[in-house]
C-alpha atoms as a PDB file:
ATOM      1  CA  MET A   1       0.000   0.000   0.000  1.00  0.00           C
ATOM      2  CA  ASP A   2       1.349   3.377  -1.023  1.00  0.00           C
ATOM      3  CA  ILE A   3       1.716   6.145   1.590  1.00  0.00           C
ATOM      4  CA  THR A   4      -0.030   8.631  -0.732  1.00  0.00           C
ATOM      5  CA  ASP A   5      -3.176   6.480  -0.487  1.00  0.00           C
ATOM      6  CA  LEU A   6      -3.165   6.891   3.319  1.00  0.00           C
ATOM      7  CA  ARG A   7      -2.811  10.668   3.012  1.00  0.00           C
ATOM      8  CA  GLY A   8      -5.966  10.783   0.934  1.00  0.00           C
ATOM      9  CA  VAL A   9      -7.833   8.714   3.501  1.00  0.00           C
ATOM     10  CA  LYS A  10      -6.544  10.925   6.338  1.00  0.00           C
ATOM     11  CA  GLU A  11      -7.625  14.089   4.501  1.00  0.00           C
ATOM     12  CA  PHE A  12     -11.047  12.598   3.818  1.00  0.00           C
ATOM     13  CA  ILE A  13     -11.495  11.661   7.498  1.00  0.00           C
ATOM     14  CA  LYS A  14     -10.271  15.097   8.607  1.00  0.00           C
ATOM     15  CA  ASP A  15     -12.733  16.902   6.281  1.00  0.00           C
ATOM     16  CA  THR A  16     -15.585  14.593   7.263  1.00  0.00           C
ATOM     17  CA  MET A  17     -14.959  15.214  10.972  1.00  0.00           C
ATOM     18  CA  LYS A  18     -15.213  18.985  10.381  1.00  0.00           C
ATOM     19  CA  TYR A  19     -18.648  18.560   8.812  1.00  0.00           C
ATOM     20  CA  ILE A  20     -19.802  16.198  11.556  1.00  0.00           C
ATOM     21  CA  PHE A  21     -18.675  18.706  14.195  1.00  0.00           C
ATOM     22  CA  ILE A  22     -20.548  21.528  12.414  1.00  0.00           C
ATOM     23  CA  ILE A  23     -23.713  19.417  12.162  1.00  0.00           C
ATOM     24  CA  ILE A  24     -23.534  18.509  15.868  1.00  0.00           C
ATOM     25  CA  ALA A  25     -22.935  22.152  16.846  1.00  0.00           C
ATOM     26  CA  VAL A  26     -25.911  23.364  14.777  1.00  0.00           C
ATOM     27  CA  LEU A  27     -28.102  20.628  16.227  1.00  0.00           C
ATOM     28  CA  LEU A  28     -27.127  21.543  19.805  1.00  0.00           C
ATOM     29  CA  VAL A  29     -27.812  25.241  19.156  1.00  0.00           C
ATOM     30  CA  TYR A  30     -31.217  24.352  17.687  1.00  0.00           C
ATOM     31  CA  LEU A  31     -32.115  22.069  20.598  1.00  0.00           C
ATOM     32  CA  TYR A  32     -30.910  24.249  23.483  1.00  0.00           C
ATOM     33  CA  VAL A  33     -30.422  27.864  22.369  1.00  0.00           C
ATOM     34  CA  VAL A  34     -32.685  29.014  19.520  1.00  0.00           C
ATOM     35  CA  SER A  35     -35.294  27.562  17.192  1.00  0.00           C
ATOM     36  CA  PHE A  36     -38.237  28.692  15.121  1.00  0.00           C
ATOM     37  CA  GLN A  37     -41.903  28.785  16.112  1.00  0.00           C
ATOM     38  CA  GLN A  38     -44.864  29.184  13.797  1.00  0.00           C
ATOM     39  CA  VAL A  39     -48.066  30.858  14.971  1.00  0.00           C
ATOM     40  CA  LEU A  40     -51.025  28.494  14.773  1.00  0.00           C
ATOM     41  CA  GLY A  41     -54.565  29.726  15.237  1.00  0.00           C
ATOM     42  CA  PRO A  42     -56.122  33.111  16.000  1.00  0.00           C
ATOM     43  CA  SER A  43     -55.326  33.409  19.730  1.00  0.00           C
ATOM     44  CA  MET A  44     -52.580  36.038  19.364  1.00  0.00           C
ATOM     45  CA  GLN A  45     -54.152  38.131  16.591  1.00  0.00           C
ATOM     46  CA  PRO A  46     -53.724  40.835  15.495  1.00  0.00           C
ATOM     47  CA  ASN A  47     -50.228  41.152  17.020  1.00  0.00           C
ATOM     48  CA  TYR A  48     -49.068  37.694  15.919  1.00  0.00           C
ATOM     49  CA  ARG A  49     -50.831  36.260  12.877  1.00  0.00           C
ATOM     50  CA  GLU A  50     -51.337  32.666  11.873  1.00  0.00           C
ATOM     51  CA  GLY A  51     -48.530  31.368   9.673  1.00  0.00           C
ATOM     52  CA  GLU A  52     -45.904  33.857  10.833  1.00  0.00           C
ATOM     53  CA  ILE A  53     -42.609  32.344  11.952  1.00  0.00           C
ATOM     54  CA  TYR A  54     -40.646  33.736  14.910  1.00  0.00           C
ATOM     55  CA  LEU A  55     -37.208  33.169  16.385  1.00  0.00           C
ATOM     56  CA  LEU A  56     -37.492  31.508  19.782  1.00  0.00           C
ATOM     57  CA  ASN A  57     -34.835  32.148  22.449  1.00  0.00           C
ATOM     58  CA  LYS A  58     -34.691  28.931  24.505  1.00  0.00           C
ATOM     59  CA  LEU A  59     -31.796  30.016  26.694  1.00  0.00           C
ATOM     60  CA  LYS A  60     -33.219  33.210  28.237  1.00  0.00           C
ATOM     61  CA  TYR A  61     -35.523  31.612  30.806  1.00  0.00           C
ATOM     62  CA  LYS A  62     -32.844  29.171  31.919  1.00  0.00           C
ATOM     63  CA  ILE A  63     -31.016  32.272  33.242  1.00  0.00           C
ATOM     64  CA  ILE A  64     -33.779  34.729  34.209  1.00  0.00           C
ATOM     65  CA  ASN A  65     -37.525  34.559  34.870  1.00  0.00           C
ATOM     66  CA  PRO A  66     -40.209  35.698  32.433  1.00  0.00           C
ATOM     67  CA  LYS A  67     -41.551  39.217  32.868  1.00  0.00           C
ATOM     68  CA  ARG A  68     -45.094  40.507  32.519  1.00  0.00           C
ATOM     69  CA  PHE A  69     -46.241  40.965  28.911  1.00  0.00           C
ATOM     70  CA  GLU A  70     -43.384  38.947  27.398  1.00  0.00           C
ATOM     71  CA  VAL A  71     -44.517  36.581  24.660  1.00  0.00           C
ATOM     72  CA  ILE A  72     -43.498  32.995  25.320  1.00  0.00           C
ATOM     73  CA  VAL A  73     -43.844  29.541  23.856  1.00  0.00           C
ATOM     74  CA  LEU A  74     -45.072  26.923  26.266  1.00  0.00           C
ATOM     75  CA  ASN A  75     -45.485  23.201  26.122  1.00  0.00           C
ATOM     76  CA  ASN A  76     -49.159  22.434  26.622  1.00  0.00           C
ATOM     77  CA  LYS A  77     -48.842  18.722  27.295  1.00  0.00           C
ATOM     78  CA  LYS A  78     -52.364  18.041  26.077  1.00  0.00           C
ATOM     79  CA  SER A  79     -51.849  19.245  22.528  1.00  0.00           C
ATOM     80  CA  LYS A  80     -48.973  21.357  21.239  1.00  0.00           C
ATOM     81  CA  PHE A  81     -46.560  24.214  21.711  1.00  0.00           C
ATOM     82  CA  MET A  82     -48.484  27.447  22.148  1.00  0.00           C
ATOM     83  CA  ILE A  83     -47.581  31.125  21.873  1.00  0.00           C
ATOM     84  CA  LYS A  84     -49.048  33.205  24.716  1.00  0.00           C
ATOM     85  CA  ARG A  85     -48.414  36.417  26.652  1.00  0.00           C
ATOM     86  CA  VAL A  86     -47.359  36.341  30.325  1.00  0.00           C
ATOM     87  CA  ILE A  87     -49.960  38.241  32.339  1.00  0.00           C
ATOM     88  CA  GLY A  88     -49.354  37.113  35.915  1.00  0.00           C
ATOM     89  CA  LEU A  89     -46.164  36.318  37.828  1.00  0.00           C
ATOM     90  CA  PRO A  90     -45.568  33.952  40.774  1.00  0.00           C
ATOM     91  CA  GLY A  91     -47.158  35.090  44.031  1.00  0.00           C
ATOM     92  CA  GLU A  92     -49.333  37.798  42.462  1.00  0.00           C
ATOM     93  CA  HIS A  93     -53.055  38.149  43.028  1.00  0.00           C
ATOM     94  CA  ILE A  94     -54.571  38.347  39.536  1.00  0.00           C
ATOM     95  CA  GLU A  95     -58.063  39.524  38.776  1.00  0.00           C
ATOM     96  CA  TYR A  96     -59.417  39.831  35.263  1.00  0.00           C
ATOM     97  CA  ARG A  97     -62.923  41.236  35.075  1.00  0.00           C
ATOM     98  CA  GLU A  98     -64.794  43.289  32.496  1.00  0.00           C
ATOM     99  CA  ASP A  99     -61.729  43.120  30.211  1.00  0.00           C
ATOM    100  CA  THR A 100     -59.567  44.830  32.853  1.00  0.00           C
ATOM    101  CA  LEU A 101     -56.457  43.318  34.437  1.00  0.00           C
ATOM    102  CA  TYR A 102     -55.844  43.859  38.155  1.00  0.00           C
ATOM    103  CA  VAL A 103     -52.558  42.814  39.771  1.00  0.00           C
ATOM    104  CA  ASP A 104     -52.539  42.902  43.558  1.00  0.00           C
ATOM    105  CA  GLY A 105     -55.630  45.141  43.445  1.00  0.00           C
ATOM    106  CA  LYS A 106     -54.195  47.719  41.008  1.00  0.00           C
ATOM    107  CA  ILE A 107     -55.280  48.190  37.401  1.00  0.00           C
ATOM    108  CA  VAL A 108     -52.585  47.262  34.895  1.00  0.00           C
ATOM    109  CA  LYS A 109     -52.976  48.777  31.418  1.00  0.00           C
ATOM    110  CA  GLU A 110     -52.712  46.268  28.582  1.00  0.00           C
ATOM    111  CA  GLN A 111     -51.925  47.501  25.112  1.00  0.00           C
ATOM    112  CA  PHE A 112     -51.929  44.002  23.595  1.00  0.00           C
ATOM    113  CA  SER A 113     -55.409  42.698  24.338  1.00  0.00           C
ATOM    114  CA  LYS A 114     -57.803  42.998  21.420  1.00  0.00           C
ATOM    115  CA  THR A 115     -61.449  42.158  21.122  1.00  0.00           C
ATOM    116  CA  LEU A 116     -62.141  40.355  17.874  1.00  0.00           C
ATOM    117  CA  GLU A 117     -65.053  38.220  16.733  1.00  0.00           C
ATOM    118  CA  PRO A 118     -65.646  35.406  19.243  1.00  0.00           C
ATOM    119  CA  ASP A 119     -65.270  31.732  18.363  1.00  0.00           C
ATOM    120  CA  GLU A 120     -68.473  30.117  19.602  1.00  0.00           C
ATOM    121  CA  THR A 121     -66.684  26.782  20.174  1.00  0.00           C
ATOM    122  CA  LEU A 122     -64.589  28.251  23.013  1.00  0.00           C
ATOM    123  CA  ILE A 123     -66.353  28.737  26.308  1.00  0.00           C
ATOM    124  CA  LEU A 124     -64.058  30.836  28.462  1.00  0.00           C
ATOM    125  CA  GLU A 125     -64.349  32.039  31.999  1.00  0.00           C
ATOM    126  CA  LYS A 126     -64.493  35.800  31.569  1.00  0.00           C
ATOM    127  CA  ASN A 127     -63.619  36.672  35.158  1.00  0.00           C
ATOM    128  CA  VAL A 128     -60.478  35.459  36.890  1.00  0.00           C
ATOM    129  CA  ASP A 129     -59.546  35.817  40.561  1.00  0.00           C
ATOM    130  CA  LEU A 130     -56.577  33.825  41.846  1.00  0.00           C
ATOM    131  CA  VAL A 131     -53.181  33.931  43.513  1.00  0.00           C
ATOM    132  CA  ILE A 132     -50.513  32.482  41.240  1.00  0.00           C
ATOM    133  CA  PRO A 133     -48.516  29.656  42.862  1.00  0.00           C
ATOM    134  CA  ASP A 134     -44.732  29.795  43.172  1.00  0.00           C
ATOM    135  CA  ASN A 135     -42.826  28.934  39.995  1.00  0.00           C
ATOM    136  CA  CYS A 136     -45.987  29.389  37.877  1.00  0.00           C
ATOM    137  CA  TYR A 137     -47.238  31.998  35.401  1.00  0.00           C
ATOM    138  CA  TYR A 138     -50.657  33.060  34.153  1.00  0.00           C
ATOM    139  CA  VAL A 139     -50.776  33.391  30.350  1.00  0.00           C
ATOM    140  CA  LEU A 140     -53.419  34.719  27.974  1.00  0.00           C
ATOM    141  CA  GLY A 141     -53.729  35.125  24.242  1.00  0.00           C
ATOM    142  CA  ASP A 142     -53.959  38.671  22.890  1.00  0.00           C
ATOM    143  CA  ASN A 143     -57.249  37.787  21.206  1.00  0.00           C
ATOM    144  CA  ARG A 144     -59.031  37.162  24.506  1.00  0.00           C
ATOM    145  CA  VAL A 145     -62.283  35.833  23.028  1.00  0.00           C
ATOM    146  CA  ASN A 146     -60.541  33.252  20.803  1.00  0.00           C
ATOM    147  CA  SER A 147     -57.759  31.943  22.986  1.00  0.00           C
ATOM    148  CA  GLU A 148     -57.099  28.640  24.681  1.00  0.00           C
ATOM    149  CA  ASP A 149     -55.006  29.862  27.598  1.00  0.00           C
ATOM    150  CA  SER A 150     -54.655  29.783  31.401  1.00  0.00           C
ATOM    151  CA  ARG A 151     -58.405  30.336  31.724  1.00  0.00           C
ATOM    152  CA  MET A 152     -58.797  26.819  30.307  1.00  0.00           C
ATOM    153  CA  PHE A 153     -55.691  24.921  31.419  1.00  0.00           C
ATOM    154  CA  GLY A 154     -54.598  26.896  34.486  1.00  0.00           C
ATOM    155  CA  CYS A 155     -51.254  28.402  35.411  1.00  0.00           C
ATOM    156  CA  VAL A 156     -48.146  27.336  33.527  1.00  0.00           C
ATOM    157  CA  GLU A 157     -45.159  25.979  35.430  1.00  0.00           C
ATOM    158  CA  LYS A 158     -41.791  27.512  34.556  1.00  0.00           C
ATOM    159  CA  LYS A 159     -40.487  24.114  33.464  1.00  0.00           C
ATOM    160  CA  ASP A 160     -43.154  24.068  30.731  1.00  0.00           C
ATOM    161  CA  ILE A 161     -41.987  27.365  29.212  1.00  0.00           C
ATOM    162  CA  ILE A 162     -39.873  26.585  26.154  1.00  0.00           C
ATOM    163  CA  GLY A 163     -38.591  30.107  25.488  1.00  0.00           C
ATOM    164  CA  LYS A 164     -39.195  33.743  24.599  1.00  0.00           C
ATOM    165  CA  VAL A 165     -40.455  34.859  21.205  1.00  0.00           C
ATOM    166  CA  GLU A 166     -37.840  37.344  19.989  1.00  0.00           C
ATOM    167  CA  PHE A 167     -38.669  38.574  16.475  1.00  0.00           C
ATOM    168  CA  ARG A 168     -40.471  37.664  13.262  1.00  0.00           C
ATOM    169  CA  ILE A 169     -38.514  35.711  10.662  1.00  0.00           C
ATOM    170  CA  TRP A 170     -41.310  35.271   8.099  1.00  0.00           C
ATOM    171  CA  PRO A 171     -42.901  37.057   6.412  1.00  0.00           C
ATOM    172  CA  LEU A 172     -40.181  39.663   6.227  1.00  0.00           C
ATOM    173  CA  PHE A 173     -42.681  42.535   6.140  1.00  0.00           C
ATOM    174  CA  LYS A 174     -46.069  42.757   7.832  1.00  0.00           C
ATOM    175  CA  GLY A 175     -48.743  43.115   5.217  1.00  0.00           C
END
């Protein structure tokens, strides 16, 4: 066997290892740092429309806790990943009545909530009055009348929050 044949094999293995390393690195970034999330359904309209794709920061909530009004993706074990807005934080007394949010007895202005045409298939509790347990969050869709959210499935544990929605990837321009 000629030594030049071994050099070719070594170069091939060296190049292949580079590509394998790159593939593994991209896969790890996708699994643990960032990914993409598509909006499904009308629950976040008109701020987030069905079919839009957003960059999801999976690392942020491993370091810090979600803040009020941040848009998150959560794992609803019953069905799918969902995009919702954080309304209530751990330990807070939340009241939601007559389309007004009260946190610890004080009115909190919401600029995201919109009233659109109701979906008659969703029967939602309009009024909410609860103290959020430790390590849990209360989430609602921006389209309050057409949203499957904490009013249906309760508070969301921090471990079920996948990440923070950062910015729209597609479509490039809102139309």
